Amino acid sequence: MRGKKLEARLEIRLDPQQLQNLKDEAAAKGTSVADLVREAISQRYAVSREEKLKAVQQMANINAPVADWNQMKKEIESGYLKE
């Protein structure tokens, strides 16, 4: 989470054992309880493997015209250098 500006705040209530488990894991990993909670939220809402595969299949079905790699590389570099 380093580098991201954290602005939203969330308050949750835990039973003492839940909090102790989080503190123990955070200490073992050398991180904070807050980082563990953010990590759990990110994992919960991460894109699934199936969703990624579906997106790749949709992209493969676009059937866009492409040149050989050397030509495409020249076009990419040319476009990048113009910016």
N, C-alpha and C. Protein backbone atom coordinates (compact mmCIF):
# COMPACT_ATOMS: atom_id res chain seq x y z
N MET A 1 0.82 -1.19 0.00
CA MET A 1 0.00 0.00 0.00
C MET A 1 0.86 1.26 0.00
N ARG A 2 2.12 1.10 0.12
CA ARG A 2 3.00 2.25 0.15
C ARG A 2 2.84 3.06 -1.14
N GLY A 3 2.85 4.38 -1.00
CA GLY A 3 2.76 5.24 -2.16
C GLY A 3 1.33 5.69 -2.48
N LYS A 4 0.34 4.97 -2.03
CA LYS A 4 -1.04 5.37 -2.26
C LYS A 4 -1.48 6.31 -1.15
N LYS A 5 -2.24 7.33 -1.53
CA LYS A 5 -2.76 8.25 -0.54
C LYS A 5 -4.01 7.63 0.08
N LEU A 6 -3.97 7.40 1.35
CA LEU A 6 -5.09 6.79 2.06
C LEU A 6 -5.92 7.88 2.71
N GLU A 7 -7.17 8.02 2.27
CA GLU A 7 -8.02 9.09 2.79
C GLU A 7 -9.24 8.58 3.54
N ALA A 8 -9.81 7.46 3.10
CA ALA A 8 -11.04 6.96 3.73
C ALA A 8 -10.70 6.26 5.03
N ARG A 9 -11.61 6.35 5.95
CA ARG A 9 -11.40 5.75 7.26
C ARG A 9 -12.54 4.79 7.54
N LEU A 10 -12.24 3.67 8.17
CA LEU A 10 -13.23 2.65 8.49
C LEU A 10 -13.03 2.21 9.94
N GLU A 11 -14.11 2.14 10.66
CA GLU A 11 -14.04 1.65 12.04
C GLU A 11 -14.81 0.34 12.09
N ILE A 12 -14.17 -0.69 12.63
CA ILE A 12 -14.85 -1.97 12.81
C ILE A 12 -14.65 -2.42 14.25
N ARG A 13 -15.54 -3.25 14.69
CA ARG A 13 -15.43 -3.81 16.03
C ARG A 13 -15.14 -5.29 15.91
N LEU A 14 -14.15 -5.74 16.67
CA LEU A 14 -13.73 -7.14 16.65
C LEU A 14 -13.82 -7.70 18.05
N ASP A 15 -13.95 -9.02 18.12
CA ASP A 15 -13.85 -9.61 19.46
C ASP A 15 -12.36 -9.66 19.81
N PRO A 16 -12.03 -9.74 21.08
CA PRO A 16 -10.62 -9.68 21.50
C PRO A 16 -9.73 -10.72 20.80
N GLN A 17 -10.24 -11.90 20.57
CA GLN A 17 -9.41 -12.93 19.93
C GLN A 17 -9.12 -12.59 18.47
N GLN A 18 -10.09 -12.04 17.76
CA GLN A 18 -9.86 -11.63 16.38
C GLN A 18 -8.74 -10.57 16.32
N LEU A 19 -8.83 -9.60 17.20
CA LEU A 19 -7.81 -8.55 17.22
C LEU A 19 -6.45 -9.13 17.57
N GLN A 20 -6.41 -10.03 18.54
CA GLN A 20 -5.12 -10.63 18.91
C GLN A 20 -4.53 -11.42 17.75
N ASN A 21 -5.38 -12.16 17.05
CA ASN A 21 -4.91 -12.92 15.87
C ASN A 21 -4.30 -11.98 14.84
N LEU A 22 -4.96 -10.86 14.58
CA LEU A 22 -4.43 -9.89 13.62
C LEU A 22 -3.10 -9.30 14.10
N LYS A 23 -3.03 -8.95 15.38
CA LYS A 23 -1.78 -8.40 15.93
C LYS A 23 -0.64 -9.40 15.84
N ASP A 24 -0.94 -10.66 16.15
CA ASP A 24 0.09 -11.71 16.09
C ASP A 24 0.60 -11.89 14.66
N GLU A 25 -0.34 -11.95 13.71
CA GLU A 25 0.07 -12.13 12.31
C GLU A 25 0.84 -10.92 11.81
N ALA A 26 0.40 -9.73 12.17
CA ALA A 26 1.09 -8.51 11.75
C ALA A 26 2.52 -8.51 12.29
N ALA A 27 2.68 -8.87 13.55
CA ALA A 27 4.02 -8.91 14.14
C ALA A 27 4.89 -9.94 13.44
N ALA A 28 4.32 -11.10 13.15
CA ALA A 28 5.09 -12.17 12.49
C ALA A 28 5.52 -11.74 11.09
N LYS A 29 4.69 -10.96 10.42
CA LYS A 29 4.99 -10.53 9.06
C LYS A 29 5.74 -9.20 9.01
N GLY A 30 5.88 -8.56 10.16
CA GLY A 30 6.57 -7.26 10.19
C GLY A 30 5.77 -6.17 9.52
N THR A 31 4.46 -6.21 9.67
CA THR A 31 3.59 -5.21 9.06
C THR A 31 2.58 -4.73 10.09
N SER A 32 1.65 -3.92 9.67
CA SER A 32 0.64 -3.42 10.60
C SER A 32 -0.68 -4.17 10.44
N VAL A 33 -1.51 -4.06 11.45
CA VAL A 33 -2.85 -4.64 11.37
C VAL A 33 -3.61 -3.99 10.22
N ALA A 34 -3.47 -2.70 10.06
CA ALA A 34 -4.16 -1.99 8.98
C ALA A 34 -3.76 -2.55 7.61
N ASP A 35 -2.46 -2.81 7.42
CA ASP A 35 -2.01 -3.38 6.15
C ASP A 35 -2.61 -4.76 5.92
N LEU A 36 -2.71 -5.56 6.98
CA LEU A 36 -3.34 -6.88 6.84
C LEU A 36 -4.79 -6.76 6.41
N VAL A 37 -5.51 -5.83 7.01
CA VAL A 37 -6.92 -5.64 6.68
C VAL A 37 -7.06 -5.16 5.23
N ARG A 38 -6.22 -4.20 4.83
CA ARG A 38 -6.27 -3.72 3.43
C ARG A 38 -5.95 -4.85 2.46
N GLU A 39 -4.97 -5.68 2.81
CA GLU A 39 -4.61 -6.82 1.96
C GLU A 39 -5.79 -7.79 1.83
N ALA A 40 -6.47 -8.06 2.93
CA ALA A 40 -7.62 -8.97 2.90
C ALA A 40 -8.74 -8.40 2.02
N ILE A 41 -8.96 -7.10 2.12
CA ILE A 41 -9.99 -6.46 1.28
C ILE A 41 -9.59 -6.55 -0.19
N SER A 42 -8.34 -6.29 -0.50
CA SER A 42 -7.86 -6.37 -1.88
C SER A 42 -8.02 -7.78 -2.44
N GLN A 43 -7.68 -8.77 -1.64
CA GLN A 43 -7.82 -10.16 -2.08
C GLN A 43 -9.29 -10.51 -2.32
N ARG A 44 -10.14 -10.03 -1.45
CA ARG A 44 -11.58 -10.33 -1.57
C ARG A 44 -12.16 -9.79 -2.86
N TYR A 45 -11.68 -8.62 -3.29
CA TYR A 45 -12.24 -7.98 -4.48
C TYR A 45 -11.33 -8.06 -5.69
N ALA A 46 -10.34 -8.92 -5.64
CA ALA A 46 -9.44 -9.11 -6.77
C ALA A 46 -10.19 -9.77 -7.93
N VAL A 47 -9.69 -9.53 -9.12
CA VAL A 47 -10.28 -10.14 -10.30
C VAL A 47 -9.94 -11.63 -10.30
N SER A 48 -10.94 -12.46 -10.52
CA SER A 48 -10.72 -13.91 -10.50
C SER A 48 -9.99 -14.38 -11.75
N ARG A 49 -9.43 -15.55 -11.67
CA ARG A 49 -8.74 -16.15 -12.81
C ARG A 49 -9.70 -16.31 -13.99
N GLU A 50 -10.93 -16.70 -13.69
CA GLU A 50 -11.93 -16.89 -14.74
C GLU A 50 -12.24 -15.58 -15.45
N GLU A 51 -12.33 -14.49 -14.68
CA GLU A 51 -12.60 -13.18 -15.28
C GLU A 51 -11.44 -12.74 -16.17
N LYS A 52 -10.22 -13.02 -15.73
CA LYS A 52 -9.05 -12.67 -16.53
C LYS A 52 -9.03 -13.47 -17.83
N LEU A 53 -9.31 -14.78 -17.73
CA LEU A 53 -9.34 -15.61 -18.93
C LEU A 53 -10.42 -15.15 -19.90
N LYS A 54 -11.57 -14.79 -19.38
CA LYS A 54 -12.66 -14.31 -20.23
C LYS A 54 -12.23 -13.03 -20.96
N ALA A 55 -11.55 -12.13 -20.27
CA ALA A 55 -11.08 -10.89 -20.88
C ALA A 55 -10.07 -11.18 -21.98
N VAL A 56 -9.17 -12.12 -21.73
CA VAL A 56 -8.17 -12.48 -22.75
C VAL A 56 -8.86 -13.09 -23.97
N GLN A 57 -9.85 -13.94 -23.74
CA GLN A 57 -10.57 -14.54 -24.85
C GLN A 57 -11.31 -13.48 -25.66
N GLN A 58 -11.90 -12.53 -24.99
CA GLN A 58 -12.59 -11.45 -25.69
C GLN A 58 -11.61 -10.63 -26.53
N MET A 59 -10.44 -10.37 -25.97
CA MET A 59 -9.43 -9.62 -26.72
C MET A 59 -8.94 -10.41 -27.92
N ALA A 60 -8.79 -11.73 -27.75
CA ALA A 60 -8.33 -12.57 -28.86
C ALA A 60 -9.36 -12.62 -29.97
N ASN A 61 -10.62 -12.46 -29.63
CA ASN A 61 -11.68 -12.50 -30.63
C ASN A 61 -11.88 -11.18 -31.37
N ILE A 62 -11.14 -10.16 -30.99
CA ILE A 62 -11.29 -8.86 -31.65
C ILE A 62 -10.88 -8.95 -33.11
N ASN A 63 -9.90 -9.76 -33.40
CA ASN A 63 -9.45 -9.96 -34.77
C ASN A 63 -8.93 -8.68 -35.41
N ALA A 64 -8.22 -7.88 -34.64
CA ALA A 64 -7.67 -6.62 -35.13
C ALA A 64 -6.48 -6.91 -36.05
N PRO A 65 -6.31 -6.08 -37.07
CA PRO A 65 -5.17 -6.29 -37.97
C PRO A 65 -3.86 -5.94 -37.25
N VAL A 66 -2.88 -6.79 -37.39
CA VAL A 66 -1.57 -6.54 -36.81
C VAL A 66 -0.49 -6.87 -37.82
N ALA A 67 0.61 -6.17 -37.68
CA ALA A 67 1.76 -6.42 -38.54
C ALA A 67 2.69 -7.39 -37.83
N ASP A 68 3.78 -7.71 -38.46
CA ASP A 68 4.76 -8.56 -37.79
C ASP A 68 5.39 -7.76 -36.65
N TRP A 69 6.04 -8.44 -35.74
CA TRP A 69 6.55 -7.81 -34.52
C TRP A 69 7.49 -6.66 -34.82
N ASN A 70 8.42 -6.80 -35.75
CA ASN A 70 9.38 -5.72 -36.02
C ASN A 70 8.67 -4.44 -36.46
N GLN A 71 7.66 -4.58 -37.32
CA GLN A 71 6.89 -3.41 -37.77
C GLN A 71 6.12 -2.79 -36.60
N MET A 72 5.50 -3.63 -35.80
CA MET A 72 4.74 -3.12 -34.66
C MET A 72 5.67 -2.41 -33.67
N LYS A 73 6.84 -2.97 -33.44
CA LYS A 73 7.81 -2.36 -32.53
C LYS A 73 8.21 -0.98 -33.03
N LYS A 74 8.46 -0.84 -34.33
CA LYS A 74 8.82 0.47 -34.90
C LYS A 74 7.69 1.47 -34.69
N GLU A 75 6.43 1.02 -34.90
CA GLU A 75 5.29 1.91 -34.73
C GLU A 75 5.15 2.35 -33.27
N ILE A 76 5.34 1.42 -32.36
CA ILE A 76 5.25 1.74 -30.94
C ILE A 76 6.32 2.75 -30.55
N GLU A 77 7.56 2.49 -30.97
CA GLU A 77 8.66 3.39 -30.64
C GLU A 77 8.46 4.75 -31.27
N SER A 78 7.97 4.79 -32.50
CA SER A 78 7.73 6.05 -33.18
C SER A 78 6.67 6.86 -32.46
N GLY A 79 5.59 6.21 -32.06
CA GLY A 79 4.54 6.89 -31.32
C GLY A 79 5.01 7.39 -29.97
N TYR A 80 5.85 6.61 -29.30
CA TYR A 80 6.36 6.98 -27.99
C TYR A 80 7.27 8.21 -28.10
N LEU A 81 8.09 8.25 -29.12
CA LEU A 81 9.05 9.34 -29.27
C LEU A 81 8.37 10.65 -29.66
N LYS A 82 7.18 10.60 -30.25
CA LYS A 82 6.46 11.81 -30.64
C LYS A 82 5.84 12.52 -29.45
N GLU A 83 5.63 11.81 -28.34
CA GLU A 83 4.96 12.42 -27.18
C GLU A 83 5.85 13.30 -26.40
